[in-house]
Protein backbone atom coordinates (compact mmCIF):
# COMPACT_ATOMS: atom_id res chain seq x y z
CA UNK A 1 104.64 69.78 99.02
CA UNK A 2 103.42 72.45 101.36
CA UNK A 3 100.81 75.15 101.06
CA UNK A 4 101.96 78.32 102.82
CA UNK A 5 99.30 79.51 105.35
CA UNK A 6 101.23 82.31 106.97
CA UNK A 7 104.63 84.13 107.14
CA UNK A 8 106.40 84.44 110.44
CA UNK A 9 109.14 87.06 110.79
CA UNK A 10 112.52 85.77 111.77
CA UNK A 11 113.71 89.35 111.94
CA UNK A 12 115.62 91.32 109.33
CA UNK A 13 119.29 91.75 109.96
CA UNK A 14 122.47 92.84 108.18
CA UNK A 15 124.56 89.91 109.44
CA UNK A 16 125.51 89.03 105.84
CA UNK A 17 124.84 85.31 106.16
CA UNK A 18 123.99 83.63 102.90
CA UNK A 19 122.93 80.19 101.98
CA UNK A 20 125.82 78.13 100.73
CA UNK A 21 124.11 76.26 97.89
CA UNK A 22 122.83 77.77 94.67
CA UNK A 23 119.84 76.04 93.09
CA UNK A 24 117.24 76.66 90.41
CA UNK A 25 113.61 77.40 91.34
CA UNK A 26 110.76 76.31 88.96
CA UNK A 27 107.42 77.92 89.07
CA UNK A 28 103.95 77.55 87.61
CA UNK A 29 100.47 78.72 88.41
CA UNK A 30 97.24 76.84 88.29
CA UNK A 31 93.61 76.90 89.29
CA UNK A 32 92.14 74.49 91.87
CA UNK A 33 89.07 74.73 94.12
CA UNK A 34 88.14 78.03 92.48
CA UNK A 35 91.46 79.71 93.40
CA UNK A 36 94.70 80.45 91.63
CA UNK A 37 97.95 79.20 93.22
CA UNK A 38 101.62 79.90 92.55
CA UNK A 39 103.71 76.76 92.75
CA UNK A 40 107.44 77.04 93.46
CA UNK A 41 109.90 74.19 93.64
CA UNK A 42 113.59 74.03 94.16
CA UNK A 43 115.84 71.26 92.81
CA UNK A 44 118.76 69.46 94.30
CA UNK A 45 122.18 70.96 93.73
CA UNK A 46 124.51 69.48 91.10
CA UNK A 47 126.52 67.85 93.90
CA UNK A 48 123.59 65.74 95.24
CA UNK A 49 123.29 62.02 94.65
CA UNK A 50 120.20 62.76 92.47
CA UNK A 51 120.81 66.16 90.84
CA UNK A 52 117.78 68.20 89.75
CA UNK A 53 115.40 66.16 91.90
CA UNK A 54 112.72 68.37 93.52
CA UNK A 55 113.88 69.28 97.06
CA UNK A 56 111.21 71.58 98.36
CA UNK A 57 107.93 72.77 96.87
CA UNK A 58 105.59 75.54 98.12
CA UNK A 59 102.24 76.82 96.98
CA UNK A 60 100.86 80.29 97.63
CA UNK A 61 97.28 81.39 97.25
CA UNK A 62 96.35 85.01 96.42
CA UNK A 63 96.40 86.17 99.97
CA UNK A 64 99.89 84.63 100.68
CA UNK A 65 101.19 86.09 97.43
CA UNK A 66 100.07 89.54 98.50
CA UNK A 67 101.83 89.07 101.89
CA UNK A 68 105.01 87.89 100.12
CA UNK A 69 104.90 91.00 97.81
CA UNK A 70 104.90 93.22 100.89
CA UNK A 71 107.78 91.31 102.39
CA UNK A 72 109.74 91.61 99.12
CA UNK A 73 109.11 95.36 98.86
CA UNK A 74 110.21 95.76 102.53
CA UNK A 75 113.41 93.74 101.98
CA UNK A 76 114.12 95.45 98.59
CA UNK A 77 112.83 99.01 98.71
CA UNK A 78 112.11 100.50 95.28
CA UNK A 79 111.68 97.23 93.33
């Protein structure tokens, strides 16, 4: 599990490259240490040896969620 502390731009492009595996992403929010966090986790693809096992998990605090919101609005104008 990883708590996101910053976002680093890899550059936005129109190369049209997409990830090859589709997976579900679970989410929840919780309070800890006086702060609210958003917890995201992705699960292994159906083709993996252990399907639906948690592959990656990320936690965002309020400041990182605000940064992510800006990035989403920049990537998807008008949402």
